[in-house]
Amino acid sequence: MNGSTCMAGTLENAVWRKSSYSGGSEGQCVEVADVTRTHAGIAVRDSKNPSGPALLFASEVFGGFVAGVCEGRFRQP
């Protein structure tokens, strides 16, 4: 499942949310949904294309990514 793509239609019951850091900007965000009950992971999609594909990540992988962001590991010099 790591990095696999699925059609958003298969995630019709997912509850999508944007980061509170998005500042309410339109079309500049990704949305995430916890789909551990149906797909055992986290789904991520482009907020500009909610009916398009979504990426699925194992919960541990996504958690590691979020931890890395919080620690500043992905900042450019």
C-alpha atoms as a PDB file:
ATOM      1  CA  MET A   1       0.000   0.000   0.000  1.00  0.00           C
ATOM      2  CA  ASN A   2       2.908   2.384   0.575  1.00  0.00           C
ATOM      3  CA  GLY A   3       2.549   5.091  -2.071  1.00  0.00           C
ATOM      4  CA  SER A   4      -0.141   3.258  -4.010  1.00  0.00           C
ATOM      5  CA  THR A   5      -2.823   5.187  -5.843  1.00  0.00           C
ATOM      6  CA  CYS A   6      -6.542   4.540  -5.695  1.00  0.00           C
ATOM      7  CA  MET A   7      -9.549   6.288  -7.147  1.00  0.00           C
ATOM      8  CA  ALA A   8     -11.238   8.725  -4.774  1.00  0.00           C
ATOM      9  CA  GLY A   9     -14.569   6.999  -5.449  1.00  0.00           C
ATOM     10  CA  THR A  10     -13.374   4.028  -3.408  1.00  0.00           C
ATOM     11  CA  LEU A  11     -12.941   6.446  -0.510  1.00  0.00           C
ATOM     12  CA  GLU A  12     -16.492   7.793  -0.641  1.00  0.00           C
ATOM     13  CA  ASN A  13     -17.009   7.482   3.123  1.00  0.00           C
ATOM     14  CA  ALA A  14     -13.700   9.108   4.020  1.00  0.00           C
ATOM     15  CA  VAL A  15     -13.771  12.260   6.116  1.00  0.00           C
ATOM     16  CA  TRP A  16     -11.284  14.648   4.527  1.00  0.00           C
ATOM     17  CA  ARG A  17      -9.617  17.540   6.322  1.00  0.00           C
ATOM     18  CA  LYS A  18      -7.109  20.257   5.570  1.00  0.00           C
ATOM     19  CA  SER A  19      -4.315  21.373   7.820  1.00  0.00           C
ATOM     20  CA  SER A  20      -5.102  24.270  10.131  1.00  0.00           C
ATOM     21  CA  TYR A  21      -1.895  25.793   8.723  1.00  0.00           C
ATOM     22  CA  SER A  22      -3.456  26.145   5.274  1.00  0.00           C
ATOM     23  CA  GLY A  23      -4.878  29.535   6.277  1.00  0.00           C
ATOM     24  CA  GLY A  24      -8.083  28.882   4.382  1.00  0.00           C
ATOM     25  CA  SER A  25      -6.361  29.299   1.029  1.00  0.00           C
ATOM     26  CA  GLU A  26      -8.322  27.842  -1.832  1.00  0.00           C
ATOM     27  CA  GLY A  27      -6.618  25.324  -4.086  1.00  0.00           C
ATOM     28  CA  GLN A  28      -3.272  25.424  -2.292  1.00  0.00           C
ATOM     29  CA  CYS A  29      -3.621  22.437   0.005  1.00  0.00           C
ATOM     30  CA  VAL A  30      -3.679  18.726   0.274  1.00  0.00           C
ATOM     31  CA  GLU A  31      -6.348  16.959   2.284  1.00  0.00           C
ATOM     32  CA  VAL A  32      -5.913  13.879   4.436  1.00  0.00           C
ATOM     33  CA  ALA A  33      -8.312  11.226   5.655  1.00  0.00           C
ATOM     34  CA  ASP A  34      -7.855   8.469   8.201  1.00  0.00           C
ATOM     35  CA  VAL A  35      -8.997   5.349   6.356  1.00  0.00           C
ATOM     36  CA  THR A  36      -7.537   2.757   8.706  1.00  0.00           C
ATOM     37  CA  ARG A  37     -10.862   0.938   8.985  1.00  0.00           C
ATOM     38  CA  THR A  38     -11.294   0.409   5.248  1.00  0.00           C
ATOM     39  CA  HIS A  39      -7.791   0.677   3.781  1.00  0.00           C
ATOM     40  CA  ALA A  40      -5.462   0.401   6.797  1.00  0.00           C
ATOM     41  CA  GLY A  41      -3.802   3.745   6.343  1.00  0.00           C
ATOM     42  CA  ILE A  42      -3.946   7.426   5.544  1.00  0.00           C
ATOM     43  CA  ALA A  43      -5.265   8.821   2.257  1.00  0.00           C
ATOM     44  CA  VAL A  44      -3.921  12.062   0.779  1.00  0.00           C
ATOM     45  CA  ARG A  45      -5.449  13.999  -2.129  1.00  0.00           C
ATOM     46  CA  ASP A  46      -5.129  17.324  -3.922  1.00  0.00           C
ATOM     47  CA  SER A  47      -7.771  19.744  -2.643  1.00  0.00           C
ATOM     48  CA  LYS A  48      -8.124  21.194  -6.159  1.00  0.00           C
ATOM     49  CA  ASN A  49      -9.196  17.795  -7.481  1.00  0.00           C
ATOM     50  CA  PRO A  50     -11.282  16.051  -4.803  1.00  0.00           C
ATOM     51  CA  SER A  51     -12.753  13.565  -7.272  1.00  0.00           C
ATOM     52  CA  GLY A  52      -9.305  12.620  -8.589  1.00  0.00           C
ATOM     53  CA  PRO A  53      -6.885   9.979  -7.334  1.00  0.00           C
ATOM     54  CA  ALA A  54      -5.662   9.734  -3.780  1.00  0.00           C
ATOM     55  CA  LEU A  55      -2.428   8.339  -2.428  1.00  0.00           C
ATOM     56  CA  LEU A  56      -2.600   5.736   0.330  1.00  0.00           C
ATOM     57  CA  PHE A  57       0.124   5.398   2.928  1.00  0.00           C
ATOM     58  CA  ALA A  58       0.535   2.951   5.777  1.00  0.00           C
ATOM     59  CA  SER A  59      -0.203   4.738   9.052  1.00  0.00           C
ATOM     60  CA  GLU A  60       3.365   4.228  10.316  1.00  0.00           C
ATOM     61  CA  VAL A  61       4.855   5.681   7.140  1.00  0.00           C
ATOM     62  CA  PHE A  62       2.626   8.750   7.239  1.00  0.00           C
ATOM     63  CA  GLY A  63       3.306   9.178  10.957  1.00  0.00           C
ATOM     64  CA  GLY A  64       7.039   9.122  10.250  1.00  0.00           C
ATOM     65  CA  PHE A  65       6.600  11.776   7.574  1.00  0.00           C
ATOM     66  CA  VAL A  66       4.619  14.043   9.916  1.00  0.00           C
ATOM     67  CA  ALA A  67       7.241  13.586  12.645  1.00  0.00           C
ATOM     68  CA  GLY A  68       9.950  14.532  10.149  1.00  0.00           C
ATOM     69  CA  VAL A  69       8.071  17.685   9.164  1.00  0.00           C
ATOM     70  CA  CYS A  70       7.659  18.652  12.823  1.00  0.00           C
ATOM     71  CA  GLU A  71      11.394  18.122  13.398  1.00  0.00           C
ATOM     72  CA  GLY A  72      12.298  20.270  10.378  1.00  0.00           C
ATOM     73  CA  ARG A  73      13.965  17.447   8.438  1.00  0.00           C
ATOM     74  CA  PHE A  74      12.555  18.614   5.094  1.00  0.00           C
ATOM     75  CA  ARG A  75      13.460  22.285   5.260  1.00  0.00           C
ATOM     76  CA  GLN A  76      15.646  23.595   2.483  1.00  0.00           C
ATOM     77  CA  PRO A  77      18.862  25.350   3.530  1.00  0.00           C
END
